[in-house]
Protein backbone atom coordinates (compact mmCIF):
# COMPACT_ATOMS: atom_id res chain seq x y z
CA UNK A 1 0.00 0.00 0.00
CA UNK A 2 1.42 3.39 -0.95
CA UNK A 3 1.79 6.23 1.56
CA UNK A 4 -1.20 8.22 0.25
CA UNK A 5 -3.58 5.22 0.41
CA UNK A 6 -2.36 4.23 3.87
CA UNK A 7 -2.90 7.79 5.16
CA UNK A 8 -6.42 7.86 3.70
CA UNK A 9 -7.27 4.55 5.39
CA UNK A 10 -5.95 5.84 8.72
CA UNK A 11 -8.07 8.99 8.44
CA UNK A 12 -11.16 6.90 7.71
CA UNK A 13 -10.37 4.70 10.69
CA UNK A 14 -9.97 7.73 12.94
CA UNK A 15 -13.24 9.21 11.70
CA UNK A 16 -15.09 5.95 12.36
CA UNK A 17 -13.55 5.67 15.82
CA UNK A 18 -14.65 9.19 16.69
CA UNK A 19 -18.16 8.48 15.39
CA UNK A 20 -18.41 5.25 17.38
CA UNK A 21 -17.16 6.99 20.52
CA UNK A 22 -19.90 9.60 20.12
CA UNK A 23 -22.49 6.78 19.98
CA UNK A 24 -21.99 5.65 23.58
CA UNK A 25 -23.77 8.36 25.56
CA UNK A 26 -22.60 8.61 29.18
CA UNK A 27 -20.91 5.19 29.39
CA UNK A 28 -17.13 5.12 29.33
CA UNK A 29 -15.60 2.78 26.79
CA UNK A 30 -12.50 3.86 24.92
CA UNK A 31 -12.68 3.49 21.14
CA UNK A 32 -9.44 2.76 19.32
CA UNK A 33 -8.47 3.68 15.82
CA UNK A 34 -5.86 1.27 14.51
CA UNK A 35 -2.46 2.82 15.11
CA UNK A 36 -3.91 5.39 17.50
CA UNK A 37 -4.42 3.46 20.71
CA UNK A 38 -5.13 4.87 24.15
CA UNK A 39 -1.82 6.62 24.83
CA UNK A 40 -2.85 9.45 22.51
CA UNK A 41 -6.31 9.69 24.08
CA UNK A 42 -4.69 9.85 27.52
CA UNK A 43 -2.71 12.93 26.51
CA UNK A 44 -5.64 14.83 25.00
CA UNK A 45 -8.27 13.85 27.62
CA UNK A 46 -10.63 16.74 28.38
CA UNK A 47 -12.62 15.11 31.20
CA UNK A 48 -9.61 14.79 33.53
CA UNK A 49 -6.76 16.91 32.10
CA UNK A 50 -3.51 15.74 33.64
CA UNK A 51 -5.38 12.87 35.35
CA UNK A 52 -4.89 14.29 38.83
CA UNK A 53 -5.92 11.68 41.40
CA UNK A 54 -5.15 8.74 39.10
CA UNK A 55 -2.61 6.52 40.85
CA UNK A 56 -0.55 4.09 38.71
CA UNK A 57 -1.00 0.55 40.01
CA UNK A 58 2.70 0.19 40.81
CA UNK A 59 2.61 3.37 42.91
CA UNK A 60 -0.33 2.44 45.11
CA UNK A 61 0.54 2.53 48.81
CA UNK A 62 -1.59 2.23 51.97
CA UNK A 63 -1.11 5.89 52.93
CA UNK A 64 -3.15 6.86 49.85
CA UNK A 65 -6.26 5.30 51.42
CA UNK A 66 -8.39 7.47 53.74
CA UNK A 67 -8.30 6.94 57.49
CA UNK A 68 -9.01 4.58 59.23
CA UNK A 69 -8.83 2.19 56.29
CA UNK A 70 -5.15 2.93 55.68
CA UNK A 71 -4.32 1.23 58.98
CA UNK A 72 -6.22 -1.99 58.27
CA UNK A 73 -4.14 -4.77 56.72
CA UNK A 74 -7.25 -6.54 55.40
CA UNK A 75 -8.46 -3.44 53.56
CA UNK A 76 -5.00 -2.85 52.12
CA UNK A 77 -4.77 -6.45 50.91
CA UNK A 78 -8.29 -6.28 49.44
CA UNK A 79 -7.34 -3.27 47.32
CA UNK A 80 -4.09 -4.95 46.26
CA UNK A 81 -6.10 -7.98 45.11
CA UNK A 82 -8.55 -5.70 43.31
CA UNK A 83 -5.58 -4.26 41.41
CA UNK A 84 -4.16 -7.71 40.63
CA UNK A 85 -7.49 -9.05 39.34
CA UNK A 86 -8.39 -6.03 37.17
CA UNK A 87 -8.08 -6.68 33.43
CA UNK A 88 -8.26 -4.60 30.27
CA UNK A 89 -10.87 -5.85 27.81
CA UNK A 90 -10.28 -5.32 24.09
CA UNK A 91 -13.45 -5.96 22.12
CA UNK A 92 -12.79 -6.20 18.37
CA UNK A 93 -16.32 -6.52 17.01
CA UNK A 94 -19.72 -4.88 17.62
CA UNK A 95 -22.53 -7.42 17.76
CA UNK A 96 -25.44 -7.34 15.34
CA UNK A 97 -27.70 -8.05 18.33
CA UNK A 98 -27.22 -4.68 20.04
CA UNK A 99 -30.73 -3.16 20.03
CA UNK A 100 -31.59 0.15 18.41
CA UNK A 101 -30.61 3.06 20.64
CA UNK A 102 -28.20 0.94 22.73
CA UNK A 103 -24.52 1.83 23.11
CA UNK A 104 -22.68 1.40 19.77
CA UNK A 105 -25.84 0.14 18.02
CA UNK A 106 -25.10 2.36 15.01
CA UNK A 107 -21.94 0.32 14.42
CA UNK A 108 -23.39 -3.19 14.48
CA UNK A 109 -21.38 -5.69 12.48
CA UNK A 110 -18.28 -3.49 12.32
CA UNK A 111 -14.73 -4.20 13.44
CA UNK A 112 -13.92 -0.96 15.26
CA UNK A 113 -12.25 -1.99 18.54
CA UNK A 114 -13.21 -0.56 21.91
CA UNK A 115 -11.81 -1.18 25.36
CA UNK A 116 -13.19 -1.40 28.86
CA UNK A 117 -12.19 -2.89 32.19
CA UNK A 118 -13.26 -5.89 34.26
CA UNK A 119 -12.33 -8.05 37.24
CA UNK A 120 -11.49 -11.75 37.39
CA UNK A 121 -14.15 -13.42 39.52
CA UNK A 122 -12.90 -17.01 39.49
CA UNK A 123 -10.75 -19.53 37.62
CA UNK A 124 -11.44 -23.23 37.17
CA UNK A 125 -9.32 -26.11 35.88
CA UNK A 126 -10.79 -28.31 33.13
CA UNK A 127 -9.46 -31.78 32.33
CA UNK A 128 -10.91 -34.89 30.64
CA UNK A 129 -12.50 -37.39 33.03
CA UNK A 130 -11.82 -41.10 32.89
CA UNK A 131 -13.82 -43.26 30.43
CA UNK A 132 -16.71 -43.55 29.85
CA UNK A 133 -17.45 -40.08 31.23
CA UNK A 134 -14.99 -38.51 28.81
CA UNK A 135 -17.33 -38.93 25.82
CA UNK A 136 -19.10 -35.63 26.45
CA UNK A 137 -16.00 -33.72 27.56
CA UNK A 138 -15.30 -30.54 25.58
CA UNK A 139 -11.75 -29.46 24.82
CA UNK A 140 -10.76 -25.81 24.99
CA UNK A 141 -13.00 -23.73 22.68
CA UNK A 142 -10.81 -20.59 22.56
CA UNK A 143 -9.72 -18.72 19.43
CA UNK A 144 -6.09 -19.87 19.86
CA UNK A 145 -7.26 -23.48 19.54
CA UNK A 146 -9.47 -22.44 16.60
CA UNK A 147 -6.39 -21.23 14.74
CA UNK A 148 -4.08 -24.10 15.74
CA UNK A 149 -2.82 -26.51 13.05
CA UNK A 150 -5.08 -29.58 12.67
CA UNK A 151 -2.37 -31.91 14.00
CA UNK A 152 -2.04 -29.88 17.18
CA UNK A 153 -5.74 -30.08 17.98
CA UNK A 154 -7.46 -28.38 20.87
CA UNK A 155 -6.02 -28.34 24.37
CA UNK A 156 -7.63 -30.99 26.55
CA UNK A 157 -6.42 -29.37 29.77
CA UNK A 158 -7.23 -25.69 30.18
CA UNK A 159 -8.49 -23.07 32.62
CA UNK A 160 -11.80 -21.22 32.30
CA UNK A 161 -11.74 -17.75 33.84
CA UNK A 162 -14.82 -15.71 34.85
CA UNK A 163 -14.70 -11.94 34.41
CA UNK A 164 -17.29 -9.42 35.61
CA UNK A 165 -17.79 -6.28 33.56
CA UNK A 166 -20.54 -4.02 32.23
CA UNK A 167 -22.82 -5.51 29.58
CA UNK A 168 -22.31 -2.52 27.30
CA UNK A 169 -18.59 -3.41 27.16
CA UNK A 170 -19.11 -6.99 25.98
CA UNK A 171 -22.70 -7.44 24.87
CA UNK A 172 -22.98 -11.13 23.95
CA UNK A 173 -21.11 -14.28 22.94
CA UNK A 174 -20.55 -12.95 19.43
CA UNK A 175 -18.54 -10.08 20.90
CA UNK A 176 -16.93 -12.16 23.64
CA UNK A 177 -15.34 -14.47 21.06
CA UNK A 178 -13.46 -11.46 19.67
CA UNK A 179 -12.45 -10.16 23.11
CA UNK A 180 -9.01 -10.37 24.68
CA UNK A 181 -8.44 -9.75 28.40
CA UNK A 182 -5.00 -8.31 29.12
CA UNK A 183 -3.47 -9.01 32.53
CA UNK A 184 -0.59 -7.34 34.38
CA UNK A 185 -0.69 -3.97 32.61
CA UNK A 186 0.67 -2.33 35.74
CA UNK A 187 3.65 -0.23 34.65
CA UNK A 188 2.96 3.42 33.71
CA UNK A 189 2.97 3.77 29.93
CA UNK A 190 2.70 0.01 29.36
CA UNK A 191 0.32 -0.75 26.49
CA UNK A 192 1.13 -4.37 25.58
CA UNK A 193 0.58 -7.39 27.80
CA UNK A 194 2.19 -10.78 27.28
CA UNK A 195 -0.41 -12.44 29.54
CA UNK A 196 -3.75 -12.72 27.79
CA UNK A 197 -7.05 -14.50 28.21
CA UNK A 198 -9.15 -15.34 25.15
CA UNK A 199 -12.92 -14.89 25.12
CA UNK A 200 -15.23 -17.90 24.90
CA UNK A 201 -18.80 -16.89 25.72
CA UNK A 202 -21.18 -14.71 27.66
CA UNK A 203 -22.21 -16.62 30.79
CA UNK A 204 -24.95 -14.40 32.25
CA UNK A 205 -25.97 -10.78 31.95
CA UNK A 206 -28.66 -8.24 32.78
CA UNK A 207 -29.31 -5.45 30.29
CA UNK A 208 -31.13 -3.00 32.59
CA UNK A 209 -28.61 -3.57 35.36
CA UNK A 210 -25.71 -3.32 32.87
CA UNK A 211 -23.78 -6.24 34.33
CA UNK A 212 -22.26 -9.31 32.68
CA UNK A 213 -20.19 -12.39 33.50
CA UNK A 214 -18.06 -13.52 30.60
CA UNK A 215 -15.86 -16.59 30.21
CA UNK A 216 -12.26 -16.66 29.00
CA UNK A 217 -9.68 -19.39 28.50
CA UNK A 218 -5.99 -19.78 29.22
CA UNK A 219 -3.66 -22.73 28.70
CA UNK A 220 -1.14 -21.36 31.21
CA UNK A 221 -1.45 -23.37 34.41
CA UNK A 222 0.52 -20.84 36.47
CA UNK A 223 -1.82 -18.04 35.38
CA UNK A 224 -4.90 -20.14 36.14
CA UNK A 225 -3.69 -21.09 39.60
CA UNK A 226 -2.71 -17.50 40.42
CA UNK A 227 -6.09 -16.11 39.38
CA UNK A 228 -7.98 -18.86 41.23
CA UNK A 229 -6.06 -18.16 44.44
CA UNK A 230 -6.36 -14.37 44.19
CA UNK A 231 -10.11 -14.44 43.46
CA UNK A 232 -10.73 -16.75 46.43
CA UNK A 233 -8.75 -14.42 48.68
CA UNK A 234 -10.73 -11.45 47.37
CA UNK A 235 -14.01 -13.21 48.23
CA UNK A 236 -12.86 -14.14 51.73
CA UNK A 237 -11.57 -10.67 52.56
CA UNK A 238 -14.77 -9.06 51.28
CA UNK A 239 -16.77 -11.29 53.62
CA UNK A 240 -14.43 -10.71 56.54
CA UNK A 241 -14.68 -6.94 56.21
CA UNK A 242 -18.46 -7.17 56.52
CA UNK A 243 -17.99 -7.25 60.29
CA UNK A 244 -16.04 -3.98 60.33
CA UNK A 245 -16.90 -0.32 59.82
CA UNK A 246 -20.66 -0.84 60.15
CA UNK A 247 -21.42 2.71 61.28
CA UNK A 248 -21.29 5.22 58.37
CA UNK A 249 -21.44 8.10 60.87
CA UNK A 250 -18.11 6.98 62.32
CA UNK A 251 -16.63 5.46 59.18
CA UNK A 252 -17.42 7.42 55.99
CA UNK A 253 -18.01 5.37 52.86
CA UNK A 254 -15.54 5.50 49.98
CA UNK A 255 -15.42 3.94 46.52
CA UNK A 256 -12.10 2.61 45.20
CA UNK A 257 -11.91 1.91 41.47
CA UNK A 258 -9.16 0.18 39.51
CA UNK A 259 -9.45 0.58 35.75
CA UNK A 260 -7.68 0.98 32.42
CA UNK A 261 -8.53 4.59 31.48
CA UNK A 262 -8.13 5.22 27.75
CA UNK A 263 -7.07 1.58 27.40
CA UNK A 264 -3.77 2.38 29.13
CA UNK A 265 -2.10 0.79 32.16
CA UNK A 266 -3.97 0.27 35.43
CA UNK A 267 -4.85 3.28 37.54
CA UNK A 268 -6.42 3.44 41.00
CA UNK A 269 -8.81 6.26 41.92
CA UNK A 270 -10.53 6.98 45.24
CA UNK A 271 -13.63 9.05 46.01
CA UNK A 272 -16.64 9.23 48.29
CA UNK A 273 -19.58 6.84 47.98
CA UNK A 274 -22.45 9.33 47.91
CA UNK A 275 -25.55 7.28 47.13
CA UNK A 276 -27.13 3.82 47.10
CA UNK A 277 -30.09 3.00 44.84
CA UNK A 278 -32.30 -0.06 45.43
CA UNK A 279 -33.46 -1.31 42.02
CA UNK A 280 -35.32 -4.54 42.87
CA UNK A 281 -37.95 -3.58 40.28
CA UNK A 282 -35.42 -4.48 37.59
CA UNK A 283 -35.16 -8.10 38.77
CA UNK A 284 -38.00 -10.58 38.43
CA UNK A 285 -38.40 -12.70 41.56
CA UNK A 286 -36.20 -10.59 43.87
CA UNK A 287 -36.36 -12.05 47.41
CA UNK A 288 -37.13 -10.18 50.68
CA UNK A 289 -33.60 -10.79 51.99
CA UNK A 290 -32.07 -9.37 48.80
CA UNK A 291 -31.54 -5.87 47.55
CA UNK A 292 -30.32 -5.28 44.02
CA UNK A 293 -28.42 -2.02 44.20
CA UNK A 294 -26.47 0.56 42.24
CA UNK A 295 -24.07 3.07 43.76
CA UNK A 296 -23.18 6.72 43.14
CA UNK A 297 -19.68 8.05 43.85
CA UNK A 298 -17.25 10.90 43.24
CA UNK A 299 -14.38 8.61 42.22
CA UNK A 300 -12.69 9.88 39.01
CA UNK A 301 -13.08 7.78 35.86
CA UNK A 302 -12.34 8.19 32.15
CA UNK A 303 -13.18 6.48 28.89
CA UNK A 304 -11.92 2.93 29.29
CA UNK A 305 -13.20 2.70 32.89
CA UNK A 306 -16.50 1.05 31.90
CA UNK A 307 -16.80 -2.29 33.70
CA UNK A 308 -14.09 -1.48 36.25
CA UNK A 309 -14.43 -3.07 39.71
CA UNK A 310 -15.54 -0.89 42.61
CA UNK A 311 -14.60 -1.69 46.21
CA UNK A 312 -16.83 0.10 48.72
CA UNK A 313 -14.96 0.86 51.94
CA UNK A 314 -17.37 0.85 54.87
CA UNK A 315 -20.69 -0.90 55.32
CA UNK A 316 -24.19 0.42 55.77
CA UNK A 317 -26.77 -0.73 58.25
CA UNK A 318 -30.11 -0.09 56.56
CA UNK A 319 -33.47 -0.89 58.14
CA UNK A 320 -31.61 -2.57 60.99
CA UNK A 321 -29.85 -4.95 58.60
CA UNK A 322 -26.28 -5.35 57.40
CA UNK A 323 -25.77 -5.90 53.68
CA UNK A 324 -23.05 -7.97 52.05
CA UNK A 325 -22.31 -6.86 48.50
CA UNK A 326 -20.41 -8.41 45.64
CA UNK A 327 -18.12 -5.98 43.82
CA UNK A 328 -20.07 -3.55 41.67
CA UNK A 329 -18.64 -2.41 38.33
CA UNK A 330 -18.54 1.08 36.84
CA UNK A 331 -21.33 1.89 34.39
CA UNK A 332 -21.31 5.56 33.42
CA UNK A 333 -20.44 9.15 34.20
CA UNK A 334 -23.50 11.15 35.22
CA UNK A 335 -24.12 14.73 34.01
CA UNK A 336 -23.44 15.82 37.63
CA UNK A 337 -19.86 14.58 37.24
CA UNK A 338 -20.36 11.67 39.63
CA UNK A 339 -20.04 8.01 38.69
CA UNK A 340 -22.84 5.43 38.56
CA UNK A 341 -22.33 1.68 38.95
CA UNK A 342 -24.07 -1.24 37.36
CA UNK A 343 -26.44 -3.38 39.41
CA UNK A 344 -25.31 -6.04 41.86
CA UNK A 345 -26.99 -8.17 44.50
CA UNK A 346 -26.60 -7.34 48.17
CA UNK A 347 -27.73 -9.98 50.65
CA UNK A 348 -28.84 -9.46 54.25
CA UNK A 349 -26.31 -11.11 56.54
CA UNK A 350 -26.58 -11.85 60.25
CA UNK A 351 -23.18 -10.58 61.33
CA UNK A 352 -23.26 -12.85 64.38
CA UNK A 353 -23.11 -15.87 62.08
CA UNK A 354 -20.28 -17.00 59.77
CA UNK A 355 -20.44 -15.60 56.26
CA UNK A 356 -20.73 -18.16 53.45
CA UNK A 357 -17.84 -17.25 51.17
CA UNK A 358 -19.21 -19.47 48.41
CA UNK A 359 -22.71 -17.97 48.30
CA UNK A 360 -21.81 -15.58 45.49
CA UNK A 361 -21.01 -18.47 43.20
CA UNK A 362 -24.70 -19.38 42.94
CA UNK A 363 -25.80 -15.90 41.91
CA UNK A 364 -27.63 -15.55 38.61
CA UNK A 365 -25.38 -12.62 37.65
């Protein structure tokens, strides 16, 4: 391709990327033009010029947390695990199933990549059982195995990895199969990861609540074991902290977000948790001991932060009950300048009884 033709193609790509970015409303994906990835968008950002308050993952330290949380080793470890489990999602296709008026619906069927963030929620080892149970066993279905030479075949032993994100980031299985999750993008300025997960399918989602669980694959046993261990620790610490900081008058609530703003390396931001919305009307069959909630916060975010995990520091006692929440994910920036999360289930917990660390695994979302 000659220089003139290549330049023309780049300009078209940039124009399409800008048009797609304008089609997302208040949500915060980052749209990439080929050859013009997030580092350029970081420099010209108008929402947060200079990105004051954005802390590179490698520079996070306990003293950056508000008091009294900066003195609690469990809180500090929970945030460190949040950072470790955060991933950048690169979605290379826009599904034809996105409904009219939905984020990016004007670009259905097009290969204009966008990025968001997510958090690893679990990792599970898959291996063929002994005969005769092995007849129905499915080998790894990832895109790497799809492209492998016929003689190599699909990997029989592999790890499936669950990631939570916003539904508008990865809408369905059609999009998930084109999605790559990048791990360990921790160094400032780092844009390329050598540790990747490859999308398989959408597991569950809720459109009104803007939440999704998507499945990825890796053949790297060390990566699978590390993610499985870290996600279990994250669950246990979240449950343990339920018994602390129950009085919001004594312990103000904060929202800690780890994300990949502009598709760049991980950044941590901290702000106040300013509101809690109960949205049970969105969920058919919601139970009396459940509250489906969304949160409002002042924590800074940018394009690329969609789907990022939110850790709420502090716990509320509402209607005489304590509520145990699973990590919410970032949904959008409100016109007020505050952030708004997607929906997640909070369960009433008797804090005098042990917390079931495995209860979240049975959730529909």
